N, C-alpha and C. Protein backbone atom coordinates (compact mmCIF):
# COMPACT_ATOMS: atom_id res chain seq x y z
N MET A 1 22.52 45.93 33.19
CA MET A 1 22.53 44.44 32.68
C MET A 1 21.21 44.15 32.46
N ASN A 2 20.89 43.55 31.08
CA ASN A 2 19.62 43.10 30.75
C ASN A 2 19.65 41.51 31.01
N VAL A 3 18.72 41.16 31.81
CA VAL A 3 18.57 39.82 32.06
C VAL A 3 16.91 39.39 31.37
N PRO A 4 17.11 38.52 30.46
CA PRO A 4 15.69 38.13 30.11
C PRO A 4 14.84 37.63 31.15
N ALA A 5 13.52 38.02 31.02
CA ALA A 5 12.37 37.87 31.88
C ALA A 5 12.04 36.29 32.03
N THR A 6 11.98 35.70 33.02
CA THR A 6 11.47 34.34 32.95
C THR A 6 9.98 34.50 33.54
N PRO A 7 9.11 33.84 32.77
CA PRO A 7 7.82 33.90 33.16
C PRO A 7 7.58 33.02 34.42
N GLU A 8 6.64 33.66 35.42
CA GLU A 8 6.35 32.89 36.44
C GLU A 8 5.06 32.43 36.18
N ASP A 9 4.30 31.61 37.28
CA ASP A 9 3.13 30.92 36.98
C ASP A 9 2.09 31.86 36.28
N GLY A 10 2.05 33.11 37.01
CA GLY A 10 0.89 33.99 36.46
C GLY A 10 1.29 34.77 35.36
N ASP A 11 2.53 34.86 34.96
CA ASP A 11 2.82 35.67 33.90
C ASP A 11 3.12 35.06 32.57
N GLU A 12 2.79 33.66 32.45
CA GLU A 12 2.86 32.90 31.14
C GLU A 12 1.95 33.36 30.25
N SER A 13 2.30 33.43 28.94
CA SER A 13 1.40 33.68 27.98
C SER A 13 0.48 32.48 27.77
N PRO A 14 -0.86 32.47 27.25
CA PRO A 14 -1.67 31.26 27.19
C PRO A 14 -1.08 30.25 26.10
N THR A 15 -0.59 30.74 25.10
CA THR A 15 -0.06 29.72 24.19
C THR A 15 1.19 28.76 24.76
N SER A 16 2.19 29.37 25.55
CA SER A 16 3.26 28.78 26.04
C SER A 16 2.63 27.74 27.18
N ALA A 17 1.63 28.22 27.92
CA ALA A 17 1.23 27.31 28.92
C ALA A 17 0.20 26.19 28.27
N ASN A 18 -0.42 26.31 27.29
CA ASN A 18 -0.96 25.42 26.64
C ASN A 18 -0.18 24.29 25.92
N LYS A 19 0.89 24.66 25.49
CA LYS A 19 2.01 23.57 24.66
C LYS A 19 2.46 22.79 25.83
N ARG A 20 2.59 23.09 26.86
CA ARG A 20 3.12 22.31 27.90
C ARG A 20 2.30 21.47 28.51
N ARG A 21 0.82 21.80 28.53
CA ARG A 21 -0.28 21.18 29.31
C ARG A 21 -0.47 19.71 28.71
N LYS A 22 -0.33 18.78 29.75
CA LYS A 22 -0.54 17.17 29.43
C LYS A 22 -1.76 16.74 29.75
N VAL A 23 -2.68 17.39 30.66
CA VAL A 23 -3.98 17.05 31.09
C VAL A 23 -4.95 17.23 29.93
N GLU A 24 -5.75 16.30 29.74
CA GLU A 24 -7.01 16.41 28.92
C GLU A 24 -8.03 17.68 29.44
N PRO A 25 -8.24 18.39 28.64
CA PRO A 25 -9.07 19.72 28.89
C PRO A 25 -10.69 18.98 29.39
N GLY A 26 -11.29 19.73 30.00
CA GLY A 26 -12.73 19.40 30.46
C GLY A 26 -13.71 19.70 29.36
N LEU A 27 -14.97 19.41 29.55
CA LEU A 27 -15.79 19.92 28.50
C LEU A 27 -15.96 21.31 28.67
N GLY A 28 -16.07 21.84 27.31
CA GLY A 28 -16.31 23.24 27.18
C GLY A 28 -15.23 24.28 27.19
N GLU A 29 -14.12 23.55 27.59
CA GLU A 29 -12.63 24.13 27.67
C GLU A 29 -12.01 24.19 26.26
N ALA A 30 -11.38 25.28 25.97
CA ALA A 30 -10.79 25.35 24.63
C ALA A 30 -9.49 24.58 24.54
N ILE A 31 -9.21 23.78 23.42
CA ILE A 31 -8.04 23.10 23.30
C ILE A 31 -6.97 23.87 22.57
N PRO A 32 -5.75 23.85 22.58
CA PRO A 32 -4.85 24.46 21.82
C PRO A 32 -4.55 23.77 20.53
N SER A 33 -4.52 24.27 19.43
CA SER A 33 -4.19 23.64 18.16
C SER A 33 -2.66 23.73 17.82
N ALA A 34 -2.15 23.06 16.83
CA ALA A 34 -0.75 23.43 16.23
C ALA A 34 -0.71 24.51 15.58
N LEU A 35 -1.88 24.99 15.24
CA LEU A 35 -1.70 26.40 14.41
C LEU A 35 -1.89 27.52 15.32
N GLY A 36 -1.93 27.54 16.54
CA GLY A 36 -2.10 28.62 17.59
C GLY A 36 -3.37 28.94 17.89
N ALA A 37 -4.52 28.42 17.33
CA ALA A 37 -5.75 28.79 17.41
C ALA A 37 -6.46 27.76 18.59
N THR A 38 -7.32 28.11 19.16
CA THR A 38 -7.93 27.24 20.21
C THR A 38 -8.96 26.48 19.45
N LEU A 39 -9.33 25.41 19.79
CA LEU A 39 -10.26 24.46 19.32
C LEU A 39 -11.31 23.93 20.28
N LEU A 40 -12.60 23.95 20.21
CA LEU A 40 -13.54 23.59 21.00
C LEU A 40 -13.55 21.98 21.06
N PRO A 41 -13.87 21.40 22.09
CA PRO A 41 -13.87 20.00 22.10
C PRO A 41 -14.62 19.13 20.85
N GLU A 42 -15.70 19.77 20.38
CA GLU A 42 -16.28 19.24 19.07
C GLU A 42 -15.39 19.30 18.02
N ASP A 43 -14.77 20.37 17.76
CA ASP A 43 -13.81 20.49 16.71
C ASP A 43 -12.57 19.39 16.97
N ALA A 44 -12.32 19.39 18.13
CA ALA A 44 -11.11 18.37 18.50
C ALA A 44 -11.44 16.95 18.16
N ALA A 45 -12.80 16.61 18.59
CA ALA A 45 -13.31 15.22 18.25
C ALA A 45 -13.34 15.20 16.73
N LYS A 46 -13.78 16.08 15.99
CA LYS A 46 -13.76 16.07 14.54
C LYS A 46 -12.38 15.57 13.96
N LEU A 47 -11.30 16.39 14.58
CA LEU A 47 -9.98 16.45 13.99
C LEU A 47 -9.67 14.91 14.34
N ALA A 48 -9.81 14.56 15.49
CA ALA A 48 -9.31 13.20 15.98
C ALA A 48 -9.98 12.11 15.05
N ALA A 49 -11.25 12.45 14.61
CA ALA A 49 -12.03 11.26 13.89
C ALA A 49 -11.23 11.33 12.47
N GLU A 50 -11.06 12.46 11.90
CA GLU A 50 -10.50 12.73 10.69
C GLU A 50 -9.03 12.12 10.65
N GLU A 51 -8.18 12.18 12.01
CA GLU A 51 -7.00 11.78 11.95
C GLU A 51 -6.94 10.05 11.86
N ASP A 52 -7.99 9.59 12.81
CA ASP A 52 -8.26 8.34 12.85
C ASP A 52 -8.50 7.60 11.52
N LYS A 53 -9.34 8.26 10.76
CA LYS A 53 -9.81 7.87 9.28
C LYS A 53 -8.69 7.78 8.39
N ARG A 54 -7.70 8.95 8.47
CA ARG A 54 -6.60 9.05 7.63
C ARG A 54 -5.63 7.77 8.15
N ARG A 55 -5.43 7.47 9.18
CA ARG A 55 -4.69 6.41 9.74
C ARG A 55 -5.16 5.12 9.23
N ARG A 56 -6.48 4.73 9.32
CA ARG A 56 -7.04 3.62 8.81
C ARG A 56 -6.97 3.40 7.42
N ASN A 57 -7.20 4.66 6.73
CA ASN A 57 -7.13 4.57 5.28
C ASN A 57 -5.69 4.27 4.75
N THR A 58 -4.65 4.82 5.58
CA THR A 58 -3.24 4.58 5.18
C THR A 58 -3.01 3.05 5.52
N LEU A 59 -3.41 2.49 6.50
CA LEU A 59 -3.23 1.05 6.71
C LEU A 59 -4.06 0.24 5.66
N ALA A 60 -5.09 0.52 5.29
CA ALA A 60 -5.81 -0.20 4.38
C ALA A 60 -5.12 0.06 3.11
N SER A 61 -4.74 1.06 2.77
CA SER A 61 -3.86 1.28 1.46
C SER A 61 -2.60 0.39 1.30
N ALA A 62 -1.88 0.42 2.60
CA ALA A 62 -0.68 -0.54 2.62
C ALA A 62 -1.16 -2.05 2.24
N ARG A 63 -2.33 -2.30 3.13
CA ARG A 63 -2.70 -3.81 2.86
C ARG A 63 -3.08 -4.17 1.39
N PHE A 64 -3.75 -3.10 0.66
CA PHE A 64 -4.04 -3.35 -0.65
C PHE A 64 -2.83 -3.54 -1.49
N ARG A 65 -1.97 -2.55 -1.31
CA ARG A 65 -0.69 -2.60 -2.09
C ARG A 65 0.10 -4.20 -1.88
N ALA A 66 0.17 -4.41 -0.63
CA ALA A 66 0.89 -5.87 -0.36
C ALA A 66 -0.02 -6.82 -1.00
N LYS A 67 -1.34 -6.82 -0.96
CA LYS A 67 -2.20 -7.88 -1.63
C LYS A 67 -1.92 -7.84 -3.28
N LYS A 68 -1.86 -6.60 -3.67
CA LYS A 68 -1.70 -6.40 -5.02
C LYS A 68 -0.46 -6.91 -5.79
N LYS A 69 0.64 -6.61 -4.75
CA LYS A 69 1.92 -7.22 -5.01
C LYS A 69 2.01 -8.78 -5.17
N LEU A 70 1.44 -9.33 -4.13
CA LEU A 70 1.22 -10.72 -4.10
C LEU A 70 0.66 -11.34 -5.28
N ARG A 71 -0.55 -10.76 -5.74
CA ARG A 71 -1.29 -11.26 -6.88
C ARG A 71 -0.47 -10.84 -8.22
N GLU A 72 0.32 -9.98 -8.22
CA GLU A 72 1.09 -9.63 -9.43
C GLU A 72 2.32 -10.67 -9.49
N GLN A 73 2.87 -10.98 -8.28
CA GLN A 73 3.76 -12.09 -8.27
C GLN A 73 3.29 -13.39 -8.74
N ALA A 74 2.12 -13.77 -8.18
CA ALA A 74 1.44 -15.04 -8.60
C ALA A 74 1.30 -15.17 -10.05
N LEU A 75 0.74 -13.87 -10.62
CA LEU A 75 0.39 -13.82 -12.11
C LEU A 75 1.71 -14.00 -12.80
N GLU A 76 2.80 -13.48 -12.59
CA GLU A 76 4.12 -13.57 -13.17
C GLU A 76 4.61 -14.96 -13.30
N LYS A 77 4.23 -15.55 -11.99
CA LYS A 77 4.81 -17.08 -11.89
C LYS A 77 4.14 -17.84 -12.86
N ASP A 78 2.59 -17.66 -12.80
CA ASP A 78 1.80 -18.52 -13.73
C ASP A 78 2.15 -18.13 -15.31
N HIS A 79 2.51 -16.98 -15.51
CA HIS A 79 2.99 -16.66 -16.82
C HIS A 79 4.26 -17.37 -17.24
N LYS A 80 5.07 -17.42 -16.42
CA LYS A 80 6.26 -17.97 -16.75
C LYS A 80 6.10 -19.57 -16.90
N GLU A 81 5.23 -20.17 -15.97
CA GLU A 81 5.09 -21.48 -16.16
C GLU A 81 4.28 -21.77 -17.23
N MET A 82 3.28 -21.04 -17.82
CA MET A 82 2.37 -21.32 -19.11
C MET A 82 3.25 -21.12 -20.09
N SER A 83 4.20 -20.00 -20.21
CA SER A 83 5.06 -19.74 -21.41
C SER A 83 6.00 -20.96 -21.63
N ALA A 84 6.54 -21.53 -20.54
CA ALA A 84 7.35 -22.80 -20.54
C ALA A 84 6.60 -23.94 -21.04
N LYS A 85 5.38 -24.14 -20.67
CA LYS A 85 4.51 -25.20 -21.04
C LYS A 85 4.14 -25.10 -22.50
N ILE A 86 3.95 -23.84 -23.11
CA ILE A 86 3.72 -23.57 -24.42
C ILE A 86 4.73 -23.77 -25.38
N GLU A 87 6.08 -23.30 -24.85
CA GLU A 87 7.30 -23.68 -25.61
C GLU A 87 7.44 -25.34 -25.55
N LYS A 88 7.28 -25.92 -24.70
CA LYS A 88 7.36 -27.38 -24.48
C LYS A 88 6.33 -28.06 -25.66
N MET A 89 5.19 -27.60 -25.66
CA MET A 89 4.05 -28.11 -26.42
C MET A 89 4.48 -27.83 -28.11
N GLU A 90 5.00 -26.78 -28.24
CA GLU A 90 5.29 -26.23 -29.43
C GLU A 90 6.52 -27.04 -30.21
N ASN A 91 7.41 -27.41 -29.28
CA ASN A 91 8.66 -28.37 -29.71
C ASN A 91 7.94 -29.88 -29.77
N ARG A 92 6.98 -30.28 -29.11
CA ARG A 92 6.37 -31.43 -29.42
C ARG A 92 5.60 -31.51 -30.62
N ILE A 93 4.99 -30.41 -31.06
CA ILE A 93 4.20 -30.33 -32.21
C ILE A 93 5.30 -30.58 -33.51
N LYS A 94 6.32 -29.83 -33.29
CA LYS A 94 7.30 -29.95 -34.34
C LYS A 94 7.95 -31.35 -34.53
N GLU A 95 8.06 -31.98 -33.52
CA GLU A 95 8.73 -33.30 -33.61
C GLU A 95 7.54 -34.37 -34.09
N LEU A 96 6.39 -34.10 -33.79
CA LEU A 96 5.25 -34.81 -34.47
C LEU A 96 5.01 -34.59 -35.88
N GLU A 97 5.15 -33.39 -36.28
CA GLU A 97 5.02 -32.96 -37.71
C GLU A 97 6.17 -33.70 -38.47
N LEU A 98 7.53 -33.66 -37.92
CA LEU A 98 8.63 -34.15 -38.63
C LEU A 98 8.36 -35.97 -38.75
N GLU A 99 7.85 -36.52 -37.50
CA GLU A 99 7.58 -37.99 -37.45
C GLU A 99 6.43 -38.14 -38.57
N ASN A 100 5.36 -37.37 -38.59
CA ASN A 100 4.34 -37.68 -39.56
C ASN A 100 4.83 -37.54 -40.86
N LYS A 101 5.70 -36.40 -41.28
CA LYS A 101 6.26 -36.45 -42.51
C LYS A 101 7.11 -37.58 -43.06
N TRP A 102 7.91 -38.18 -42.06
CA TRP A 102 8.60 -39.18 -42.32
C TRP A 102 7.90 -40.52 -42.55
N LEU A 103 6.79 -40.69 -41.77
CA LEU A 103 5.90 -41.87 -41.87
C LEU A 103 5.20 -41.68 -43.33
N ARG A 104 4.79 -40.59 -43.65
CA ARG A 104 4.20 -40.40 -45.11
C ARG A 104 5.19 -40.82 -46.07
N GLY A 105 6.48 -40.47 -45.80
CA GLY A 105 7.21 -40.74 -46.91
C GLY A 105 7.70 -42.37 -46.93
N LEU A 106 7.46 -43.01 -45.84
CA LEU A 106 7.65 -44.41 -46.03
C LEU A 106 6.47 -45.21 -46.72
N VAL A 107 5.32 -44.60 -46.33
CA VAL A 107 4.05 -45.17 -47.00
C VAL A 107 4.17 -44.82 -48.36
N VAL A 108 4.53 -43.77 -48.91
CA VAL A 108 4.66 -43.47 -50.34
C VAL A 108 5.87 -44.62 -51.06
N GLN A 109 7.03 -44.72 -50.43
CA GLN A 109 7.92 -45.58 -51.01
C GLN A 109 7.38 -47.04 -50.98
N ASN A 110 6.77 -47.52 -49.98
CA ASN A 110 6.36 -48.91 -50.02
C ASN A 110 4.98 -49.23 -50.66
N LYS A 111 4.43 -48.21 -51.34
CA LYS A 111 3.14 -48.32 -51.93
C LYS A 111 3.33 -49.06 -53.29
N PRO A 112 2.61 -50.18 -53.49
CA PRO A 112 2.86 -50.73 -54.82
C PRO A 112 2.10 -50.01 -55.71
N SER A 113 2.83 -49.87 -56.84
CA SER A 113 2.03 -48.92 -57.90
C SER A 113 1.33 -49.68 -58.96
């Protein structure tokens, strides 16, 4: 009967032991990476800094997109308001032109020759 071997404390492979490790390694001790290779603390610090930079950049991008969306909504609102105002003014111009034409007609009719 074949029974799978269970590793005891001394028989574990380095990668399986490192995956379960929860304690921060000390200075000079290698840190396991997700790719299976071990990292020195300096490399781990660089990776942490890069991840932090990526995270901050992602948050900054999200803030920028939110501000951009608000700006675009404000511009669209202004555009609608201005378009309505223009239409109202154009209608007023037509009314005044008609009134002007009517008044000119009255002046011409009542003008003594």
